[in-house]
Amino acid sequence: MATLAISIVSVALPAIQSSLETSLSGLQWVVGAYTLCLSALMLSAGPLADRYGRKRTWLIGVALFTLGSAICATAGSLATLIAGCALQGLAGALVIPGALSILTQAFPDPVERAHVIGGWSSFNAISLILGPMMGGLLVDHAGWPSIFLVNLPIGIVALALGLVGVEESSHPDHAALDPAGQILSIAFLGALTLSLINAGHSGWDAPETIVPMVISALALLAFVAVEMRTSRPVLPVDLLRQKAFASANFASFVLGFSGYTSLFLFSLFLQRGQGWTATETGWRMAPVFAAMLAASSVFGKLTRRFGMNRLMVAGYALLGGSMLVMVSFTPSTPYYIVAPVFALLGIGLGLAVPSTGAAAMGSAPRERTGAASATMNALRQGGMTIGIALLGTLMSARAVTSLKSVLAQSGVDDVAVIAAVAVQRHEVPSNLPISSGAFHAMLADAFTHGFSLAVGFAGILGLVAAGVVALSSRRQ
């Protein structure tokens, strides 16, 4: 359900933009509100589960997620939709690390646990496959609010199964007690996200960009100082001193920044760059998730044959390499070229997701699985939050620059204003000395140029993560 919320919304973004008459920055907040609350509160969720019970915390998260979905489905304004997404994010912070911690407690044997986590990743992959396809059909035939209604029956069934199928466990003596660290982590991510999104429409030198950036930097410094002095910090500093745990968590951040953010970028490229409908976009994104499902479903067998570290390096190498290939995509790139590259990314994700989870959990003591899971997932979702804000801003800024250059050569006046409105709100100005068709072709090219810059940046970071993991495994 939490994974479905990410993938199903991605294909609905253009429809939400048209219905609520918002800008590209508004769309960044629709996705960003979810990922921001998810990442900022996830560090707190692990200690809460360790202290008050993993089953209890997880069930509360499922209930809140269902409520947040209902709010999103009935939203009549951008503010209400963002509020509902934020509640979903808060609930996801309880659900996602809680699930991994529950599985770790239930399966102490490392080999068996790797097999189960591979199966857990397969269910996530199924959600990612169904999300865009189901979302596209719902958006085109029932309207964008319907994409949130699908979570209601899932939530009800999950509550019923969780009540009878999950055993309670807790380790209150090992739980963190760090309210100052929790507040500062939220302040850091919130201010940073606000600054990066504001940069997309106001510029990097605008006060609304600089002020929250300074606040985020101060909050980060204060957070580090607090965590270094607190006896039981929300961020397990002692675990991060271990190279295996630290490298796994760096990789987890990159996984969110590059891999998970790609859903946001692919949806805009396929719909705005290549002109596909929401339904067509959903089907065209399917190779990513089908390949991810195939790779994660055999992850346990591959681990026994090749070892965890090799699979982890291969996953991030495929992730980074495939995204660098996407830099060459254009509005006219045929789908028979796009699909295999998407599939390579899916294989990389199918290897990277379970290997990163297993590596992080395997390098932490069993009584601290809640904190370890929360840290790994917080960094992953934090990476996605920052990725959507930063890569979305880079994409829009590059698209505006590209469109301005083309319009200037066509003899159009006020190119800066026209380009900004066209990219941010996808509106075609009237009384242009060029045809509507020609303008849409220019806009598609501009979006593709922005897409190339964003995926190129993400791909380089993926290859860096592969190198870090490889070096860490050699030193062990």
Protein backbone atom coordinates (compact mmCIF):
# COMPACT_ATOMS: atom_id res chain seq x y z
CA MET A 1 0.00 0.00 0.00
CA ALA A 2 2.80 2.44 0.85
CA THR A 3 4.68 1.54 -2.33
CA LEU A 4 1.52 1.80 -4.41
CA ALA A 5 1.06 5.36 -3.18
CA ILE A 6 4.35 6.34 -4.80
CA SER A 7 3.90 4.63 -8.15
CA ILE A 8 0.20 5.24 -8.75
CA VAL A 9 0.46 8.99 -8.15
CA SER A 10 3.30 9.37 -10.65
CA VAL A 11 1.06 8.90 -13.72
CA ALA A 12 -1.66 11.16 -12.28
CA LEU A 13 0.55 14.25 -11.92
CA PRO A 14 -0.40 15.97 -15.20
CA ALA A 15 -4.12 15.33 -14.51
CA ILE A 16 -3.76 16.75 -10.99
CA GLN A 17 -1.94 19.77 -12.44
CA SER A 18 -4.79 20.48 -14.88
CA SER A 19 -7.59 19.80 -12.40
CA LEU A 20 -6.21 21.86 -9.52
CA GLU A 21 -4.56 24.44 -11.81
CA THR A 22 -1.20 24.19 -10.10
CA SER A 23 2.40 24.54 -11.26
CA LEU A 24 5.22 22.02 -11.54
CA SER A 25 6.32 23.20 -8.10
CA GLY A 26 2.86 22.27 -6.80
CA LEU A 27 3.30 18.77 -8.23
CA GLN A 28 6.65 18.53 -6.47
CA TRP A 29 4.84 19.26 -3.20
CA VAL A 30 2.15 16.63 -3.89
CA VAL A 31 4.86 13.98 -4.07
CA GLY A 32 7.25 15.82 -1.75
CA ALA A 33 4.77 16.14 1.13
CA TYR A 34 4.49 12.35 1.24
CA THR A 35 8.21 11.66 0.97
CA LEU A 36 9.13 14.54 3.30
CA CYS A 37 6.94 13.31 6.17
CA LEU A 38 7.95 9.74 5.40
CA SER A 39 11.67 10.46 5.66
CA ALA A 40 11.57 13.08 8.42
CA LEU A 41 9.44 10.97 10.78
CA MET A 42 10.93 7.58 9.97
CA LEU A 43 13.86 8.06 12.36
CA SER A 44 11.31 8.51 15.13
CA ALA A 45 9.23 5.53 14.00
CA GLY A 46 11.95 2.94 14.65
CA PRO A 47 12.49 3.87 18.31
CA LEU A 48 8.70 4.07 18.80
CA ALA A 49 8.36 0.52 17.49
CA ASP A 50 11.23 -0.71 19.65
CA ARG A 51 9.75 0.95 22.74
CA TYR A 52 5.98 0.43 22.42
CA GLY A 53 5.76 -2.66 20.24
CA ARG A 54 6.37 -3.25 16.55
CA LYS A 55 2.94 -4.75 15.87
CA ARG A 56 1.05 -1.95 17.63
CA THR A 57 3.03 0.78 15.85
CA TRP A 58 2.59 -0.89 12.47
CA LEU A 59 -1.18 -1.28 12.88
CA ILE A 60 -1.56 2.39 13.84
CA GLY A 61 0.39 3.27 10.71
CA VAL A 62 -1.91 1.19 8.49
CA ALA A 63 -4.99 2.86 9.99
CA LEU A 64 -3.58 6.37 9.52
CA PHE A 65 -2.52 5.58 5.96
CA THR A 66 -6.05 4.51 5.12
CA LEU A 67 -7.42 7.74 6.61
CA GLY A 68 -4.91 9.85 4.66
CA SER A 69 -5.95 8.11 1.44
CA ALA A 70 -9.58 9.01 2.11
CA ILE A 71 -8.62 12.67 2.62
CA CYS A 72 -6.69 12.70 -0.68
CA ALA A 73 -9.60 11.12 -2.55
CA THR A 74 -11.99 13.86 -1.39
CA ALA A 75 -9.55 16.77 -1.79
CA GLY A 76 -10.97 19.76 -3.66
CA SER A 77 -7.86 21.91 -3.42
CA LEU A 78 -4.11 21.58 -3.62
CA ALA A 79 -3.73 22.37 0.10
CA THR A 80 -6.10 19.55 1.13
CA LEU A 81 -4.40 17.10 -1.22
CA ILE A 82 -0.97 17.99 0.18
CA ALA A 83 -2.33 17.58 3.74
CA GLY A 84 -3.66 14.12 2.90
CA CYS A 85 -0.36 13.14 1.30
CA ALA A 86 1.48 14.39 4.39
CA LEU A 87 -0.68 12.16 6.62
CA GLN A 88 0.05 9.24 4.30
CA GLY A 89 3.75 10.00 4.71
CA LEU A 90 3.48 10.09 8.50
CA ALA A 91 1.70 6.72 8.41
CA GLY A 92 4.19 5.29 5.93
CA ALA A 93 6.96 6.16 8.38
CA LEU A 94 5.33 3.71 10.80
CA VAL A 95 4.46 1.07 8.20
CA ILE A 96 7.59 0.69 6.02
CA PRO A 97 10.38 0.21 8.60
CA GLY A 98 7.92 -1.58 10.87
CA ALA A 99 7.33 -4.25 8.24
CA LEU A 100 11.03 -4.90 7.74
CA SER A 101 11.65 -5.00 11.50
CA ILE A 102 8.76 -7.45 12.01
CA LEU A 103 10.18 -9.75 9.30
CA THR A 104 13.65 -9.56 10.83
CA GLN A 105 12.28 -10.56 14.23
CA ALA A 106 10.24 -13.42 12.76
CA PHE A 107 13.11 -14.90 10.69
CA PRO A 108 16.42 -14.80 12.64
CA ASP A 109 18.26 -17.17 10.28
CA PRO A 110 20.26 -15.00 7.79
CA VAL A 111 19.66 -17.25 4.76
CA GLU A 112 15.96 -17.61 5.47
CA ARG A 113 15.70 -13.89 6.18
CA ALA A 114 17.34 -13.01 2.83
CA HIS A 115 14.78 -15.24 1.07
CA VAL A 116 11.87 -13.60 2.93
CA ILE A 117 13.15 -10.07 2.31
CA GLY A 118 13.41 -10.98 -1.37
CA GLY A 119 9.75 -12.00 -1.26
CA TRP A 120 8.88 -8.76 0.56
CA SER A 121 10.61 -6.85 -2.24
CA SER A 122 8.62 -8.86 -4.79
CA PHE A 123 5.37 -7.64 -3.26
CA ASN A 124 6.72 -4.11 -3.46
CA ALA A 125 7.56 -4.70 -7.11
CA ILE A 126 4.03 -5.98 -7.79
CA SER A 127 2.69 -2.75 -6.31
CA LEU A 128 5.04 -0.76 -8.52
CA ILE A 129 3.87 -2.70 -11.60
CA LEU A 130 0.17 -2.33 -10.83
CA GLY A 131 0.47 1.30 -9.75
CA PRO A 132 1.19 3.05 -13.07
CA MET A 133 -1.04 0.74 -15.12
CA MET A 134 -3.95 0.92 -12.68
CA GLY A 135 -3.34 4.62 -12.13
CA GLY A 136 -3.42 5.38 -15.84
CA LEU A 137 -6.72 3.55 -16.34
CA LEU A 138 -8.30 5.19 -13.30
CA VAL A 139 -7.13 8.68 -14.24
CA ASP A 140 -8.39 8.41 -17.82
CA HIS A 141 -11.73 6.78 -16.95
CA ALA A 142 -12.63 7.70 -13.34
CA GLY A 143 -10.59 10.82 -12.56
CA TRP A 144 -7.45 11.29 -10.46
CA PRO A 145 -9.22 11.10 -7.02
CA SER A 146 -9.94 7.41 -7.70
CA ILE A 147 -6.25 6.51 -7.43
CA PHE A 148 -6.42 7.10 -3.68
CA LEU A 149 -9.61 5.08 -3.17
CA VAL A 150 -7.82 1.81 -3.99
CA ASN A 151 -5.95 2.07 -0.68
CA LEU A 152 -9.15 1.84 1.39
CA PRO A 153 -9.92 -1.89 0.88
CA ILE A 154 -6.19 -2.73 1.04
CA GLY A 155 -5.91 -0.92 4.37
CA ILE A 156 -8.92 -2.70 5.84
CA VAL A 157 -7.60 -6.14 4.80
CA ALA A 158 -4.10 -5.31 6.10
CA LEU A 159 -5.51 -4.32 9.50
CA ALA A 160 -7.47 -7.56 9.76
CA LEU A 161 -4.49 -9.73 8.75
CA GLY A 162 -2.07 -7.84 10.98
CA LEU A 163 -4.24 -8.24 14.05
CA VAL A 164 -4.16 -12.05 13.80
CA GLY A 165 -0.95 -12.75 11.85
CA VAL A 166 1.75 -10.64 13.51
CA GLU A 167 3.31 -11.39 16.88
CA GLU A 168 4.15 -8.47 19.17
CA SER A 169 7.79 -7.74 19.99
CA SER A 170 9.63 -4.84 21.62
CA HIS A 171 12.98 -3.91 23.17
CA PRO A 172 12.28 -0.74 25.19
CA ASP A 173 15.68 -0.78 26.90
CA HIS A 174 17.40 -0.27 23.54
CA ALA A 175 14.96 2.32 22.12
CA ALA A 176 16.21 5.85 21.45
CA LEU A 177 14.93 8.75 23.54
CA ASP A 178 15.86 11.85 21.59
CA PRO A 179 13.06 14.43 21.02
CA ALA A 180 15.55 17.20 20.17
CA GLY A 181 17.12 15.08 17.45
CA GLN A 182 13.73 14.17 16.03
CA ILE A 183 12.62 17.83 15.83
CA LEU A 184 15.92 18.94 14.27
CA SER A 185 15.80 16.18 11.64
CA ILE A 186 12.32 17.29 10.61
CA ALA A 187 13.43 20.95 10.49
CA PHE A 188 16.47 20.07 8.36
CA LEU A 189 14.60 18.06 5.73
CA GLY A 190 11.59 20.39 5.65
CA ALA A 191 13.67 23.55 5.15
CA LEU A 192 15.92 21.85 2.57
CA THR A 193 12.95 20.60 0.55
CA LEU A 194 11.30 24.03 0.64
CA SER A 195 14.51 25.68 -0.54
CA LEU A 196 15.11 23.27 -3.43
CA ILE A 197 11.53 23.49 -4.69
CA ASN A 198 11.49 27.30 -4.40
CA ALA A 199 14.67 27.41 -6.49
CA GLY A 200 12.70 25.95 -9.40
CA HIS A 201 10.40 28.95 -9.79
CA SER A 202 12.18 31.76 -7.92
CA GLY A 203 15.84 31.09 -8.70
CA TRP A 204 18.79 30.03 -6.57
CA ASP A 205 19.55 33.58 -5.46
CA ALA A 206 16.01 34.45 -4.30
CA PRO A 207 15.38 35.08 -0.56
CA GLU A 208 12.73 32.32 -0.46
CA THR A 209 15.46 29.91 -1.60
CA ILE A 210 18.40 31.22 0.46
CA VAL A 211 16.61 31.64 3.82
CA PRO A 212 15.30 28.06 4.15
CA MET A 213 18.65 26.77 2.84
CA VAL A 214 20.44 28.57 5.68
CA ILE A 215 17.87 27.26 8.17
CA SER A 216 18.40 23.70 6.91
CA ALA A 217 22.18 24.04 7.25
CA LEU A 218 21.88 25.32 10.82
CA ALA A 219 19.40 22.56 11.69
CA LEU A 220 21.77 19.95 10.27
CA LEU A 221 24.70 21.26 12.31
CA ALA A 222 22.57 21.32 15.46
CA PHE A 223 21.28 17.80 14.69
CA VAL A 224 24.82 16.42 14.36
CA ALA A 225 25.86 18.12 17.62
CA VAL A 226 22.85 16.71 19.49
CA GLU A 227 23.32 13.19 18.12
CA MET A 228 26.97 13.13 19.13
CA ARG A 229 26.12 13.99 22.76
CA THR A 230 22.85 12.10 23.35
CA SER A 231 23.18 8.76 25.11
CA ARG A 232 20.43 7.15 23.03
CA PRO A 233 20.24 9.17 19.77
CA VAL A 234 17.51 8.77 17.18
CA LEU A 235 20.27 8.34 14.58
CA PRO A 236 22.41 5.38 15.69
CA VAL A 237 25.81 7.09 15.46
CA ASP A 238 27.63 4.07 16.84
CA LEU A 239 26.22 1.83 14.12
CA LEU A 240 27.16 4.35 11.43
CA ARG A 241 30.78 4.05 12.56
CA GLN A 242 30.69 0.50 11.20
CA LYS A 243 31.75 0.55 7.54
CA ALA A 244 29.24 -2.10 6.44
CA PHE A 245 26.27 -0.29 8.00
CA ALA A 246 27.47 3.13 6.81
CA SER A 247 28.00 2.02 3.18
CA ALA A 248 24.61 0.26 3.11
CA ASN A 249 22.92 3.43 4.32
CA PHE A 250 24.74 5.64 1.81
CA ALA A 251 23.55 3.24 -0.88
CA SER A 252 20.03 3.45 0.54
CA PHE A 253 20.11 7.25 0.18
CA VAL A 254 21.22 6.92 -3.46
CA LEU A 255 18.51 4.33 -4.07
CA GLY A 256 15.88 6.87 -3.05
CA PHE A 257 17.57 9.83 -4.77
CA SER A 258 18.14 8.09 -8.11
CA GLY A 259 15.97 4.97 -8.35
CA TYR A 260 12.74 6.03 -6.65
CA THR A 261 12.82 9.59 -8.00
CA SER A 262 12.94 8.13 -11.52
CA LEU A 263 9.17 7.46 -11.31
CA PHE A 264 8.54 11.19 -11.07
CA LEU A 265 10.90 11.89 -13.98
CA PHE A 266 9.62 9.07 -16.23
CA SER A 267 5.99 10.17 -15.90
CA LEU A 268 6.80 13.73 -16.97
CA PHE A 269 9.09 12.57 -19.80
CA LEU A 270 6.57 10.11 -21.27
CA GLN A 271 3.57 12.44 -20.96
CA ARG A 272 5.13 15.88 -21.48
CA GLY A 273 8.10 14.88 -23.60
CA GLN A 274 6.65 12.11 -25.78
CA GLY A 275 2.94 13.00 -25.54
CA TRP A 276 1.49 9.71 -24.22
CA THR A 277 -1.74 9.57 -22.21
CA ALA A 278 -1.82 8.52 -18.56
CA THR A 279 -2.91 4.98 -19.47
CA GLU A 280 -0.25 4.65 -22.17
CA THR A 281 2.37 6.00 -19.77
CA GLY A 282 1.43 3.43 -17.15
CA TRP A 283 1.89 0.57 -19.58
CA ARG A 284 5.16 2.00 -20.90
CA MET A 285 6.61 2.19 -17.40
CA ALA A 286 5.74 -1.48 -16.79
CA PRO A 287 9.13 -2.92 -17.92
CA VAL A 288 10.82 -1.19 -14.98
CA PHE A 289 8.62 -2.92 -12.45
CA ALA A 290 8.26 -6.25 -14.26
CA ALA A 291 12.04 -6.60 -14.40
CA MET A 292 12.27 -5.51 -10.76
CA LEU A 293 9.77 -8.22 -9.80
CA ALA A 294 11.65 -10.87 -11.77
CA ALA A 295 15.00 -9.95 -10.21
CA SER A 296 13.76 -9.65 -6.64
CA SER A 297 11.80 -12.93 -6.85
CA VAL A 298 15.02 -14.89 -7.43
CA PHE A 299 17.11 -12.75 -5.10
CA GLY A 300 17.37 -15.47 -2.44
CA LYS A 301 18.74 -18.00 -4.95
CA LEU A 302 21.14 -15.48 -6.44
CA THR A 303 22.43 -14.59 -2.97
CA ARG A 304 23.36 -18.19 -2.23
CA ARG A 305 25.23 -18.45 -5.54
CA PHE A 306 26.95 -15.08 -5.92
CA GLY A 307 26.89 -13.50 -2.47
CA MET A 308 25.16 -10.38 -1.17
CA ASN A 309 27.90 -7.86 -1.93
CA ARG A 310 28.26 -8.79 -5.60
CA LEU A 311 24.52 -8.49 -6.14
CA MET A 312 24.49 -5.12 -4.40
CA VAL A 313 27.31 -3.76 -6.57
CA ALA A 314 25.66 -5.12 -9.73
CA GLY A 315 22.32 -3.56 -8.75
CA TYR A 316 23.71 -0.06 -8.33
CA ALA A 317 25.90 -0.37 -11.44
CA LEU A 318 22.84 -1.27 -13.53
CA LEU A 319 20.83 1.52 -11.91
CA GLY A 320 23.46 4.17 -12.67
CA GLY A 321 24.39 2.85 -16.10
CA SER A 322 20.82 2.59 -17.38
CA MET A 323 20.02 6.16 -16.27
CA LEU A 324 23.10 7.47 -18.07
CA VAL A 325 21.86 5.77 -21.25
CA MET A 326 18.55 7.63 -20.83
CA VAL A 327 20.41 10.92 -21.32
CA SER A 328 20.21 10.18 -25.07
CA PHE A 329 16.39 9.90 -25.09
CA THR A 330 14.49 12.38 -27.30
CA PRO A 331 10.77 13.01 -27.93
CA SER A 332 11.03 10.71 -30.96
CA THR A 333 13.01 7.87 -29.36
CA PRO A 334 11.08 4.70 -30.25
CA TYR A 335 9.68 2.58 -27.47
CA TYR A 336 11.62 -0.51 -28.55
CA ILE A 337 14.71 1.39 -27.37
CA VAL A 338 13.12 2.89 -24.26
CA ALA A 339 11.69 -0.40 -22.96
CA PRO A 340 14.97 -2.40 -22.68
CA VAL A 341 16.67 0.48 -20.87
CA PHE A 342 13.73 0.68 -18.47
CA ALA A 343 14.06 -3.08 -17.93
CA LEU A 344 17.78 -2.75 -17.10
CA LEU A 345 16.89 -0.17 -14.48
CA GLY A 346 14.25 -2.55 -13.11
CA ILE A 347 16.79 -5.37 -12.78
CA GLY A 348 19.11 -3.00 -10.95
CA LEU A 349 16.32 -2.00 -8.55
CA GLY A 350 15.33 -5.64 -8.06
CA LEU A 351 18.86 -6.40 -6.88
CA ALA A 352 19.55 -3.14 -5.03
CA VAL A 353 16.40 -2.95 -2.89
CA PRO A 354 16.60 -6.34 -1.09
CA SER A 355 20.41 -6.40 -0.93
CA THR A 356 20.53 -2.96 0.66
CA GLY A 357 17.86 -3.93 3.20
CA ALA A 358 19.52 -7.23 4.03
CA ALA A 359 22.98 -5.64 4.28
CA ALA A 360 21.79 -2.90 6.63
CA MET A 361 19.78 -5.25 8.84
CA GLY A 362 22.49 -7.89 8.87
CA SER A 363 25.10 -5.44 10.17
CA ALA A 364 23.00 -4.35 13.18
CA PRO A 365 22.33 -6.18 16.48
CA ARG A 366 19.01 -8.02 16.57
CA GLU A 367 17.69 -5.95 19.50
CA ARG A 368 18.19 -2.75 17.46
CA THR A 369 16.47 -3.81 14.27
CA GLY A 370 13.84 -1.10 14.67
CA ALA A 371 16.43 1.68 14.76
CA ALA A 372 18.47 0.09 11.96
CA SER A 373 15.43 -0.32 9.71
CA ALA A 374 14.25 3.20 10.44
CA THR A 375 17.67 4.67 9.65
CA MET A 376 17.97 2.82 6.35
CA ASN A 377 14.44 3.67 5.24
CA ALA A 378 14.72 7.28 6.46
CA LEU A 379 17.82 7.80 4.34
CA ARG A 380 16.14 6.14 1.36
CA GLN A 381 13.01 8.24 1.63
CA GLY A 382 15.12 11.29 2.46
CA GLY A 383 17.01 10.63 -0.75
CA MET A 384 13.72 10.52 -2.65
CA THR A 385 12.52 13.74 -0.99
CA ILE A 386 15.72 15.57 -1.89
CA GLY A 387 15.81 13.90 -5.32
CA ILE A 388 12.31 15.03 -6.28
CA ALA A 389 13.03 18.55 -5.04
CA LEU A 390 16.50 18.89 -6.59
CA LEU A 391 16.09 16.85 -9.78
CA GLY A 392 12.63 18.33 -10.39
CA THR A 393 14.10 21.80 -10.04
CA LEU A 394 17.05 21.00 -12.33
CA MET A 395 14.65 19.49 -14.86
CA SER A 396 12.34 22.52 -14.91
CA ALA A 397 15.21 25.03 -14.94
CA ARG A 398 16.90 23.28 -17.88
CA ALA A 399 13.56 23.04 -19.71
CA VAL A 400 12.89 26.76 -19.22
CA THR A 401 16.37 27.66 -20.45
CA SER A 402 16.02 25.43 -23.50
CA LEU A 403 12.58 26.79 -24.39
CA LYS A 404 13.74 30.40 -23.95
CA SER A 405 16.59 29.82 -26.39
CA VAL A 406 14.31 28.34 -29.07
CA LEU A 407 11.60 31.00 -28.64
CA ALA A 408 14.17 33.80 -28.90
CA GLN A 409 15.23 32.46 -32.30
CA SER A 410 11.56 32.46 -33.40
CA GLY A 411 11.12 36.18 -32.77
CA VAL A 412 8.86 35.80 -29.73
CA ASP A 413 8.71 38.61 -27.15
CA ASP A 414 8.80 38.07 -23.36
CA VAL A 415 10.45 34.67 -23.80
CA ALA A 416 11.37 34.38 -20.11
CA VAL A 417 7.76 34.73 -18.91
CA ILE A 418 6.31 32.54 -21.66
CA ALA A 419 8.88 29.76 -21.11
CA ALA A 420 8.38 29.76 -17.33
CA VAL A 421 4.58 29.59 -17.60
CA ALA A 422 4.71 26.90 -20.28
CA VAL A 423 7.07 24.64 -18.32
CA GLN A 424 5.65 25.22 -14.83
CA ARG A 425 1.95 25.17 -15.75
CA HIS A 426 2.03 23.51 -19.20
CA GLU A 427 -0.03 26.34 -20.68
CA VAL A 428 0.16 27.51 -24.30
CA PRO A 429 0.14 31.33 -24.55
CA SER A 430 -2.19 32.93 -27.07
CA ASN A 431 -1.18 35.27 -29.92
CA LEU A 432 2.17 33.63 -30.57
CA PRO A 433 3.75 34.10 -34.01
CA ILE A 434 4.11 30.31 -34.24
CA SER A 435 1.50 27.56 -34.44
CA SER A 436 0.25 25.65 -31.43
CA GLY A 437 1.69 22.43 -32.84
CA ALA A 438 5.12 23.96 -33.28
CA PHE A 439 5.04 25.36 -29.75
CA HIS A 440 4.11 21.95 -28.29
CA ALA A 441 7.02 20.38 -30.19
CA MET A 442 9.37 23.00 -28.70
CA LEU A 443 7.95 22.34 -25.25
CA ALA A 444 8.42 18.57 -25.65
CA ASP A 445 12.05 19.12 -26.65
CA ALA A 446 12.55 21.41 -23.65
CA PHE A 447 11.13 18.83 -21.24
CA THR A 448 13.37 16.16 -22.74
CA HIS A 449 16.44 18.34 -22.29
CA GLY A 450 15.48 18.81 -18.65
CA PHE A 451 14.90 15.08 -18.27
CA SER A 452 18.36 14.32 -19.70
CA LEU A 453 20.07 16.58 -17.18
CA ALA A 454 18.15 15.08 -14.24
CA VAL A 455 18.69 11.40 -15.14
CA GLY A 456 22.34 12.05 -15.95
CA PHE A 457 22.93 13.50 -12.50
CA ALA A 458 21.06 10.59 -10.90
CA GLY A 459 22.96 8.01 -12.96
CA ILE A 460 26.36 9.32 -11.90
CA LEU A 461 25.35 9.07 -8.25
CA GLY A 462 24.22 5.47 -8.82
CA LEU A 463 27.65 4.52 -10.14
CA VAL A 464 29.27 6.26 -7.16
CA ALA A 465 27.15 4.09 -4.83
CA ALA A 466 28.30 0.95 -6.69
CA GLY A 467 31.90 2.00 -6.15
CA VAL A 468 31.39 2.74 -2.44
CA VAL A 469 29.78 -0.66 -1.85
CA ALA A 470 32.54 -2.41 -3.80
CA LEU A 471 35.29 -0.70 -1.79
CA SER A 472 33.51 -1.40 1.51
CA SER A 473 33.15 -5.12 0.71
CA ARG A 474 36.85 -5.42 -0.14
CA ARG A 475 37.91 -3.91 3.19
CA GLN A 476 35.77 -6.26 5.27
